[in-house]
């Protein structure tokens, strides 16, 4: 899977922005220098990302003293997939370029597992499309480690039972 720093940093910065605005509604616009310091992201890199987020209509910039950025729409209306795609970060799980018309093998054909990885990319996109900025800020993310740990425990118990059966 390929989700680079643009997408990850943009989501981190947007969660920080939304969190600041939620925690202190009277704060006004949030500065990129504040986000850069809190998230340990280069200010110049954030400026590039927020330029794209502004063009996509996800944030609004406020100029002048006390300026910074605010959300262009409510946090429950901003999907994580919107943020990732706004910064030109496609979710790629295959080696080939999706619009090239060629597969990932040297001869241009699709590899044997192409459809598997392509569907994984689709599932990741659908998951990110179903999660809003508000969900992340409120820590309401679907799934958790606990069900996975339970599934692993169940699988191991089933293995032990099958080992005991004649």
N, C-alpha and C. Protein backbone atom coordinates (compact mmCIF):
# COMPACT_ATOMS: atom_id res chain seq x y z
N UNK A 1 0.85 -1.18 0.00
CA UNK A 1 0.00 0.00 0.00
C UNK A 1 0.88 1.23 0.00
N UNK A 2 0.47 2.24 -0.71
CA UNK A 2 1.23 3.46 -0.79
C UNK A 2 0.36 4.62 -0.36
N UNK A 3 0.60 5.10 0.83
CA UNK A 3 0.01 6.36 1.28
C UNK A 3 1.17 7.14 1.83
N UNK A 4 1.59 8.14 1.09
CA UNK A 4 2.80 8.87 1.43
C UNK A 4 2.60 9.93 2.49
N UNK A 5 3.67 10.70 2.67
CA UNK A 5 3.66 11.72 3.72
C UNK A 5 2.66 12.84 3.45
N UNK A 6 2.41 13.14 2.18
CA UNK A 6 1.43 14.21 1.89
C UNK A 6 0.09 13.90 2.53
N UNK A 7 -0.42 12.71 2.27
CA UNK A 7 -1.72 12.32 2.81
C UNK A 7 -1.71 12.22 4.32
N UNK A 8 -0.69 11.56 4.88
CA UNK A 8 -0.63 11.39 6.33
C UNK A 8 -0.47 12.72 7.05
N UNK A 9 0.42 13.58 6.54
CA UNK A 9 0.64 14.87 7.19
C UNK A 9 -0.57 15.79 7.04
N UNK A 10 -1.22 15.72 5.89
CA UNK A 10 -2.42 16.55 5.70
C UNK A 10 -3.51 16.15 6.69
N UNK A 11 -3.70 14.85 6.89
CA UNK A 11 -4.71 14.39 7.85
C UNK A 11 -4.31 14.80 9.27
N UNK A 12 -3.04 14.63 9.62
CA UNK A 12 -2.58 15.03 10.95
C UNK A 12 -2.84 16.52 11.19
N UNK A 13 -2.50 17.33 10.21
CA UNK A 13 -2.67 18.78 10.33
C UNK A 13 -4.15 19.16 10.43
N UNK A 14 -4.99 18.50 9.65
CA UNK A 14 -6.41 18.80 9.68
C UNK A 14 -7.05 18.37 11.00
N UNK A 15 -6.60 17.27 11.56
CA UNK A 15 -7.11 16.84 12.86
C UNK A 15 -6.67 17.85 13.92
N UNK A 16 -5.45 18.33 13.83
CA UNK A 16 -4.97 19.35 14.76
C UNK A 16 -5.82 20.61 14.63
N UNK A 17 -6.03 21.06 13.40
CA UNK A 17 -6.83 22.27 13.14
C UNK A 17 -8.23 22.12 13.72
N UNK A 18 -8.89 21.03 13.40
CA UNK A 18 -10.26 20.80 13.89
C UNK A 18 -10.28 20.69 15.40
N UNK A 19 -9.27 20.04 15.96
CA UNK A 19 -9.20 19.89 17.41
C UNK A 19 -9.02 21.23 18.11
N UNK A 20 -8.19 22.09 17.56
CA UNK A 20 -7.97 23.43 18.14
C UNK A 20 -9.25 24.25 18.08
N UNK A 21 -9.93 24.19 16.94
CA UNK A 21 -11.17 24.97 16.77
C UNK A 21 -12.28 24.45 17.67
N UNK A 22 -12.30 23.15 17.93
CA UNK A 22 -13.32 22.55 18.80
C UNK A 22 -13.03 22.86 20.26
N UNK A 23 -11.77 22.74 20.64
CA UNK A 23 -11.38 22.96 22.03
C UNK A 23 -11.52 24.41 22.44
N UNK A 24 -11.25 25.32 21.51
CA UNK A 24 -11.31 26.75 21.81
C UNK A 24 -12.07 27.47 20.70
N UNK A 25 -13.39 27.39 20.72
CA UNK A 25 -14.19 27.98 19.63
C UNK A 25 -13.96 29.48 19.42
N UNK A 26 -13.57 30.18 20.46
CA UNK A 26 -13.34 31.63 20.34
C UNK A 26 -11.91 31.95 19.89
N UNK A 27 -11.12 30.93 19.65
CA UNK A 27 -9.71 31.10 19.28
C UNK A 27 -9.56 31.85 17.96
N UNK A 28 -10.46 31.62 17.04
CA UNK A 28 -10.32 32.21 15.72
C UNK A 28 -9.44 31.33 14.85
N UNK A 29 -8.92 31.89 13.76
CA UNK A 29 -8.11 31.09 12.85
C UNK A 29 -6.88 30.49 13.55
N UNK A 30 -6.49 29.32 13.09
CA UNK A 30 -5.34 28.62 13.65
C UNK A 30 -4.16 28.82 12.71
N UNK A 31 -3.01 29.15 13.27
CA UNK A 31 -1.84 29.41 12.44
C UNK A 31 -1.15 28.11 12.04
N UNK A 32 -0.57 28.14 10.84
CA UNK A 32 0.17 26.97 10.39
C UNK A 32 1.43 26.77 11.23
N UNK A 33 2.00 27.86 11.73
CA UNK A 33 3.20 27.71 12.57
C UNK A 33 2.86 26.95 13.85
N UNK A 34 1.67 27.17 14.39
CA UNK A 34 1.23 26.44 15.58
C UNK A 34 1.05 24.96 15.27
N UNK A 35 0.40 24.67 14.14
CA UNK A 35 0.21 23.27 13.74
C UNK A 35 1.56 22.61 13.49
N UNK A 36 2.45 23.33 12.80
CA UNK A 36 3.78 22.79 12.49
C UNK A 36 4.52 22.43 13.77
N UNK A 37 4.45 23.29 14.78
CA UNK A 37 5.15 23.03 16.04
C UNK A 37 4.52 21.84 16.78
N UNK A 38 3.20 21.80 16.85
CA UNK A 38 2.54 20.72 17.60
C UNK A 38 2.70 19.37 16.92
N UNK A 39 2.69 19.35 15.60
CA UNK A 39 2.74 18.08 14.86
C UNK A 39 4.14 17.74 14.35
N UNK A 40 5.08 18.64 14.57
CA UNK A 40 6.46 18.44 14.13
C UNK A 40 6.54 18.18 12.63
N UNK A 41 5.90 19.09 11.89
CA UNK A 41 5.89 19.05 10.43
C UNK A 41 6.49 20.36 9.95
N UNK A 42 7.27 20.31 8.91
CA UNK A 42 7.89 21.51 8.34
C UNK A 42 6.80 22.53 7.96
N UNK A 43 7.04 23.79 8.34
CA UNK A 43 6.08 24.85 8.01
C UNK A 43 5.94 25.02 6.50
N UNK A 44 7.03 24.97 5.77
CA UNK A 44 6.94 25.14 4.31
C UNK A 44 6.16 23.98 3.67
N UNK A 45 6.30 22.78 4.23
CA UNK A 45 5.55 21.63 3.72
C UNK A 45 4.06 21.82 3.99
N UNK A 46 3.72 22.29 5.20
CA UNK A 46 2.31 22.56 5.55
C UNK A 46 1.72 23.63 4.65
N UNK A 47 2.51 24.65 4.32
CA UNK A 47 2.01 25.71 3.44
C UNK A 47 1.61 25.14 2.09
N UNK A 48 2.41 24.22 1.56
CA UNK A 48 2.09 23.57 0.29
C UNK A 48 0.80 22.75 0.40
N UNK A 49 0.69 21.99 1.49
CA UNK A 49 -0.49 21.14 1.68
C UNK A 49 -1.75 21.99 1.85
N UNK A 50 -1.66 23.05 2.66
CA UNK A 50 -2.84 23.87 2.92
C UNK A 50 -3.25 24.68 1.69
N UNK A 51 -2.32 24.97 0.81
CA UNK A 51 -2.68 25.62 -0.45
C UNK A 51 -3.61 24.69 -1.24
N UNK A 52 -3.27 23.41 -1.27
CA UNK A 52 -4.11 22.43 -1.98
C UNK A 52 -5.44 22.21 -1.26
N UNK A 53 -5.40 22.16 0.06
CA UNK A 53 -6.63 21.98 0.84
C UNK A 53 -7.57 23.18 0.65
N UNK A 54 -7.00 24.38 0.55
CA UNK A 54 -7.80 25.58 0.31
C UNK A 54 -8.43 25.53 -1.08
N UNK A 55 -7.65 25.14 -2.08
CA UNK A 55 -8.17 25.04 -3.45
C UNK A 55 -9.29 24.01 -3.55
N UNK A 56 -9.22 22.97 -2.71
CA UNK A 56 -10.25 21.92 -2.70
C UNK A 56 -11.47 22.32 -1.89
N UNK A 57 -11.43 23.49 -1.25
CA UNK A 57 -12.58 23.95 -0.47
C UNK A 57 -12.73 23.28 0.88
N UNK A 58 -11.64 22.77 1.42
CA UNK A 58 -11.69 22.10 2.72
C UNK A 58 -11.36 23.06 3.85
N UNK A 59 -10.47 24.02 3.58
CA UNK A 59 -10.14 25.05 4.57
C UNK A 59 -10.29 26.41 3.92
N UNK A 60 -10.40 27.42 4.78
CA UNK A 60 -10.41 28.82 4.33
C UNK A 60 -9.25 29.51 5.02
N UNK A 61 -8.59 30.40 4.28
CA UNK A 61 -7.51 31.17 4.90
C UNK A 61 -8.04 32.54 5.30
N UNK A 62 -7.54 33.03 6.42
CA UNK A 62 -7.89 34.36 6.91
C UNK A 62 -6.59 35.15 6.96
N UNK A 63 -6.55 36.26 6.25
CA UNK A 63 -5.33 37.06 6.16
C UNK A 63 -5.28 38.13 7.24
N UNK A 64 -4.09 38.65 7.42
CA UNK A 64 -3.90 39.77 8.33
C UNK A 64 -3.55 39.32 9.74
N UNK A 65 -3.45 40.32 10.65
CA UNK A 65 -3.14 40.00 12.04
C UNK A 65 -4.21 39.08 12.62
N UNK A 66 -3.79 38.07 13.30
CA UNK A 66 -4.75 37.10 13.84
C UNK A 66 -5.23 36.14 12.79
N UNK A 67 -4.57 36.12 11.64
CA UNK A 67 -4.98 35.26 10.54
C UNK A 67 -4.52 33.82 10.74
N UNK A 68 -4.94 32.99 9.82
CA UNK A 68 -4.60 31.58 9.87
C UNK A 68 -5.60 30.81 9.03
N UNK A 69 -5.97 29.65 9.51
CA UNK A 69 -6.89 28.79 8.77
C UNK A 69 -8.05 28.34 9.65
N UNK A 70 -9.21 28.18 8.99
CA UNK A 70 -10.40 27.62 9.62
C UNK A 70 -10.96 26.57 8.66
N UNK A 71 -11.82 25.73 9.17
CA UNK A 71 -12.47 24.74 8.31
C UNK A 71 -13.48 25.44 7.40
N UNK A 72 -13.55 25.02 6.16
CA UNK A 72 -14.50 25.60 5.21
C UNK A 72 -15.89 25.02 5.42
N UNK A 73 -15.96 23.85 6.03
CA UNK A 73 -17.24 23.23 6.36
C UNK A 73 -17.07 22.47 7.68
N UNK A 74 -18.15 22.09 8.26
CA UNK A 74 -18.13 21.42 9.56
C UNK A 74 -17.29 20.15 9.50
N UNK A 75 -16.65 19.82 10.62
CA UNK A 75 -15.76 18.65 10.69
C UNK A 75 -16.50 17.35 10.37
N UNK A 76 -17.79 17.30 10.64
CA UNK A 76 -18.54 16.07 10.32
C UNK A 76 -18.87 15.97 8.83
N UNK A 77 -18.53 16.99 8.06
CA UNK A 77 -18.76 16.98 6.61
C UNK A 77 -17.45 16.80 5.83
N UNK A 78 -16.33 16.72 6.53
CA UNK A 78 -15.04 16.56 5.87
C UNK A 78 -14.61 15.10 6.02
N UNK A 79 -14.55 14.40 4.91
CA UNK A 79 -14.15 12.99 4.93
C UNK A 79 -12.62 12.89 4.80
N UNK A 80 -12.06 11.91 5.45
CA UNK A 80 -10.61 11.73 5.39
C UNK A 80 -10.17 11.50 3.95
N UNK A 81 -10.97 10.80 3.17
CA UNK A 81 -10.63 10.59 1.76
C UNK A 81 -10.55 11.92 1.01
N UNK A 82 -11.39 12.90 1.37
CA UNK A 82 -11.35 14.22 0.73
C UNK A 82 -9.99 14.88 0.96
N UNK A 83 -9.50 14.76 2.19
CA UNK A 83 -8.21 15.37 2.55
C UNK A 83 -7.08 14.72 1.77
N UNK A 84 -7.06 13.40 1.77
CA UNK A 84 -5.99 12.65 1.09
C UNK A 84 -5.99 12.97 -0.40
N UNK A 85 -7.15 12.95 -1.03
CA UNK A 85 -7.22 13.22 -2.46
C UNK A 85 -6.93 14.68 -2.79
N UNK A 86 -7.26 15.59 -1.89
CA UNK A 86 -7.02 17.02 -2.13
C UNK A 86 -5.53 17.33 -2.25
N UNK A 87 -4.70 16.58 -1.55
CA UNK A 87 -3.26 16.84 -1.62
C UNK A 87 -2.58 15.94 -2.65
N UNK A 88 -3.38 15.46 -3.61
CA UNK A 88 -2.86 14.66 -4.72
C UNK A 88 -2.17 13.39 -4.25
N UNK A 89 -2.79 12.73 -3.32
CA UNK A 89 -2.22 11.50 -2.79
C UNK A 89 -3.17 10.35 -3.07
N UNK A 90 -3.09 9.76 -4.27
CA UNK A 90 -3.97 8.63 -4.56
C UNK A 90 -3.58 7.44 -3.69
N UNK A 91 -4.54 6.62 -3.38
CA UNK A 91 -4.29 5.42 -2.58
C UNK A 91 -3.95 4.31 -3.56
N UNK A 92 -2.67 3.94 -3.63
CA UNK A 92 -2.22 2.94 -4.59
C UNK A 92 -1.78 1.68 -3.87
N UNK A 93 -2.25 0.58 -4.34
CA UNK A 93 -1.83 -0.71 -3.78
C UNK A 93 -1.24 -1.62 -4.86
N UNK A 94 -1.23 -1.14 -6.09
CA UNK A 94 -0.64 -1.91 -7.18
C UNK A 94 0.61 -1.18 -7.66
N UNK A 95 1.46 -1.90 -8.35
CA UNK A 95 2.70 -1.30 -8.87
C UNK A 95 2.46 -0.46 -10.11
N UNK A 96 1.42 -0.78 -10.86
CA UNK A 96 1.19 -0.08 -12.12
C UNK A 96 0.41 1.22 -11.91
N UNK A 97 0.51 2.09 -12.89
CA UNK A 97 -0.25 3.33 -12.85
C UNK A 97 -1.68 3.03 -13.26
N UNK A 98 -2.66 3.50 -12.47
CA UNK A 98 -4.05 3.14 -12.74
C UNK A 98 -4.56 3.59 -14.11
N UNK A 99 -4.09 4.71 -14.64
CA UNK A 99 -4.63 5.23 -15.89
C UNK A 99 -3.72 4.95 -17.09
N UNK A 100 -2.71 4.13 -16.91
CA UNK A 100 -1.75 3.90 -17.99
C UNK A 100 -2.27 2.93 -19.04
N UNK A 101 -3.24 2.07 -18.67
CA UNK A 101 -3.72 1.07 -19.59
C UNK A 101 -2.79 -0.14 -19.66
N UNK A 102 -1.72 -0.10 -18.90
CA UNK A 102 -0.76 -1.19 -18.86
C UNK A 102 -0.79 -1.82 -17.47
N UNK A 103 -0.47 -3.08 -17.43
CA UNK A 103 -0.37 -3.79 -16.16
C UNK A 103 0.99 -3.58 -15.52
N UNK A 104 1.22 -4.25 -14.41
CA UNK A 104 2.45 -4.05 -13.65
C UNK A 104 3.58 -4.98 -14.06
N UNK A 105 3.32 -5.95 -14.91
CA UNK A 105 4.38 -6.85 -15.38
C UNK A 105 5.19 -6.18 -16.48
N UNK A 106 6.46 -6.58 -16.64
CA UNK A 106 7.31 -5.96 -17.67
C UNK A 106 6.72 -6.00 -19.07
N UNK A 107 5.94 -7.05 -19.37
CA UNK A 107 5.33 -7.14 -20.71
C UNK A 107 4.03 -6.36 -20.83
N UNK A 108 3.65 -5.64 -19.78
CA UNK A 108 2.43 -4.83 -19.82
C UNK A 108 1.19 -5.54 -19.35
N UNK A 109 1.28 -6.81 -19.04
CA UNK A 109 0.11 -7.54 -18.55
C UNK A 109 -0.04 -7.33 -17.05
N UNK A 110 -1.20 -7.68 -16.57
CA UNK A 110 -1.45 -7.58 -15.14
C UNK A 110 -0.86 -8.80 -14.44
N UNK A 111 -0.30 -8.56 -13.25
CA UNK A 111 0.25 -9.68 -12.49
C UNK A 111 -0.91 -10.53 -11.95
N UNK A 112 -0.58 -11.70 -11.48
CA UNK A 112 -1.61 -12.65 -11.02
C UNK A 112 -2.44 -12.11 -9.85
N UNK A 113 -1.85 -11.23 -9.06
CA UNK A 113 -2.55 -10.74 -7.87
C UNK A 113 -3.05 -9.30 -8.03
N UNK A 114 -3.05 -8.81 -9.25
CA UNK A 114 -3.45 -7.42 -9.51
C UNK A 114 -4.83 -7.09 -8.93
N UNK A 115 -5.81 -7.91 -9.23
CA UNK A 115 -7.17 -7.64 -8.77
C UNK A 115 -7.27 -7.64 -7.24
N UNK A 116 -6.50 -8.52 -6.60
CA UNK A 116 -6.47 -8.56 -5.14
C UNK A 116 -6.03 -7.22 -4.58
N UNK A 117 -4.88 -6.70 -5.06
CA UNK A 117 -4.34 -5.45 -4.54
C UNK A 117 -5.19 -4.25 -4.95
N UNK A 118 -5.76 -4.32 -6.15
CA UNK A 118 -6.62 -3.23 -6.60
C UNK A 118 -7.87 -3.14 -5.70
N UNK A 119 -8.45 -4.29 -5.36
CA UNK A 119 -9.62 -4.29 -4.48
C UNK A 119 -9.25 -3.83 -3.08
N UNK A 120 -8.06 -4.18 -2.61
CA UNK A 120 -7.60 -3.68 -1.31
C UNK A 120 -7.57 -2.15 -1.33
N UNK A 121 -7.04 -1.58 -2.38
CA UNK A 121 -7.02 -0.12 -2.52
C UNK A 121 -8.43 0.47 -2.49
N UNK A 122 -9.37 -0.21 -3.17
CA UNK A 122 -10.76 0.24 -3.16
C UNK A 122 -11.35 0.19 -1.75
N UNK A 123 -11.03 -0.87 -1.01
CA UNK A 123 -11.54 -1.01 0.35
C UNK A 123 -10.97 0.07 1.28
N UNK A 124 -9.69 0.36 1.11
CA UNK A 124 -9.06 1.42 1.92
C UNK A 124 -9.74 2.75 1.62
N UNK A 125 -9.94 3.04 0.33
CA UNK A 125 -10.61 4.28 -0.05
C UNK A 125 -12.02 4.34 0.55
N UNK A 126 -12.77 3.25 0.45
CA UNK A 126 -14.14 3.24 1.01
C UNK A 126 -14.11 3.46 2.52
N UNK A 127 -13.13 2.87 3.20
CA UNK A 127 -13.00 3.07 4.64
C UNK A 127 -12.74 4.55 4.95
N UNK A 128 -11.77 5.14 4.26
CA UNK A 128 -11.44 6.56 4.51
C UNK A 128 -12.59 7.47 4.13
N UNK A 129 -13.38 7.06 3.15
CA UNK A 129 -14.56 7.83 2.74
C UNK A 129 -15.63 7.80 3.83
N UNK A 130 -15.64 6.73 4.64
CA UNK A 130 -16.63 6.59 5.70
C UNK A 130 -16.22 7.20 7.03
N UNK A 131 -15.01 7.77 7.09
CA UNK A 131 -14.51 8.37 8.34
C UNK A 131 -14.42 9.89 8.14
N UNK A 132 -15.01 10.63 9.07
CA UNK A 132 -14.95 12.09 8.98
C UNK A 132 -13.88 12.64 9.90
N UNK A 133 -13.55 13.88 9.68
CA UNK A 133 -12.61 14.59 10.53
C UNK A 133 -13.10 14.60 11.98
N UNK A 134 -14.40 14.78 12.15
CA UNK A 134 -14.98 14.76 13.49
C UNK A 134 -14.81 13.39 14.15
N UNK A 135 -14.96 12.32 13.38
CA UNK A 135 -14.78 10.96 13.92
C UNK A 135 -13.37 10.80 14.49
N UNK A 136 -12.38 11.27 13.75
CA UNK A 136 -11.00 11.13 14.21
C UNK A 136 -10.76 11.99 15.44
N UNK A 137 -11.25 13.22 15.42
CA UNK A 137 -11.07 14.12 16.57
C UNK A 137 -11.73 13.55 17.83
N UNK A 138 -12.89 12.94 17.65
CA UNK A 138 -13.63 12.38 18.78
C UNK A 138 -13.21 10.95 19.09
N UNK A 139 -12.22 10.45 18.34
CA UNK A 139 -11.72 9.08 18.52
C UNK A 139 -12.82 8.03 18.34
N UNK A 140 -13.67 8.29 17.33
CA UNK A 140 -14.74 7.35 16.98
C UNK A 140 -14.37 6.61 15.69
N UNK A 141 -13.26 5.95 15.71
CA UNK A 141 -12.81 5.23 14.51
C UNK A 141 -13.39 3.83 14.55
N UNK A 142 -13.92 3.41 13.42
CA UNK A 142 -14.49 2.06 13.31
C UNK A 142 -13.37 1.04 13.47
N UNK A 143 -13.66 0.01 14.24
CA UNK A 143 -12.66 -1.03 14.47
C UNK A 143 -11.70 -0.62 15.57
N UNK A 144 -11.06 -1.57 16.14
CA UNK A 144 -10.05 -1.31 17.15
C UNK A 144 -9.17 -2.52 17.25
N UNK A 145 -8.15 -2.42 18.06
CA UNK A 145 -7.24 -3.55 18.23
C UNK A 145 -7.88 -4.68 19.02
N UNK A 146 -8.82 -4.34 19.87
CA UNK A 146 -9.44 -5.38 20.71
C UNK A 146 -10.13 -6.46 19.88
N UNK A 147 -10.96 -6.13 18.90
CA UNK A 147 -11.56 -7.21 18.12
C UNK A 147 -10.51 -8.06 17.40
N UNK A 148 -9.44 -7.41 16.91
CA UNK A 148 -8.39 -8.16 16.24
C UNK A 148 -7.73 -9.12 17.22
N UNK A 149 -7.42 -8.63 18.42
CA UNK A 149 -6.81 -9.50 19.43
C UNK A 149 -7.75 -10.65 19.76
N UNK A 150 -9.04 -10.39 19.84
CA UNK A 150 -10.01 -11.44 20.11
C UNK A 150 -10.04 -12.45 18.97
N UNK A 151 -9.99 -11.97 17.75
CA UNK A 151 -10.00 -12.86 16.60
C UNK A 151 -8.76 -13.75 16.59
N UNK A 152 -7.62 -13.19 16.95
CA UNK A 152 -6.39 -13.98 17.01
C UNK A 152 -6.51 -15.03 18.10
N UNK A 153 -7.04 -14.65 19.25
CA UNK A 153 -7.21 -15.60 20.35
C UNK A 153 -8.14 -16.74 19.95
N UNK A 154 -9.23 -16.41 19.28
CA UNK A 154 -10.19 -17.42 18.82
C UNK A 154 -9.52 -18.36 17.82
N UNK A 155 -8.76 -17.80 16.88
CA UNK A 155 -8.09 -18.62 15.87
C UNK A 155 -7.10 -19.57 16.52
N UNK A 156 -6.35 -19.08 17.51
CA UNK A 156 -5.38 -19.94 18.19
C UNK A 156 -6.09 -21.03 18.97
N UNK A 157 -7.19 -20.71 19.62
CA UNK A 157 -7.95 -21.72 20.36
C UNK A 157 -8.47 -22.80 19.41
N UNK A 158 -8.95 -22.37 18.22
CA UNK A 158 -9.43 -23.33 17.23
C UNK A 158 -8.31 -24.22 16.73
N UNK A 159 -7.11 -23.65 16.57
CA UNK A 159 -5.97 -24.46 16.15
C UNK A 159 -5.63 -25.52 17.19
N UNK A 160 -5.65 -25.12 18.47
CA UNK A 160 -5.34 -26.07 19.54
C UNK A 160 -6.38 -27.19 19.56
N UNK A 161 -7.66 -26.83 19.38
CA UNK A 161 -8.72 -27.85 19.37
C UNK A 161 -8.53 -28.83 18.22
N UNK A 162 -8.20 -28.29 17.04
CA UNK A 162 -8.02 -29.17 15.88
C UNK A 162 -6.80 -30.06 16.06
N UNK A 163 -5.77 -29.57 16.77
CA UNK A 163 -4.61 -30.40 17.05
C UNK A 163 -4.95 -31.55 17.99
N UNK A 164 -5.91 -31.33 18.88
CA UNK A 164 -6.29 -32.35 19.84
C UNK A 164 -7.23 -33.40 19.25
N UNK A 165 -7.92 -33.04 18.18
CA UNK A 165 -8.87 -33.99 17.56
C UNK A 165 -8.13 -35.05 16.78
N UNK A 166 -8.66 -36.30 16.81
CA UNK A 166 -8.00 -37.40 16.08
C UNK A 166 -8.19 -37.28 14.58
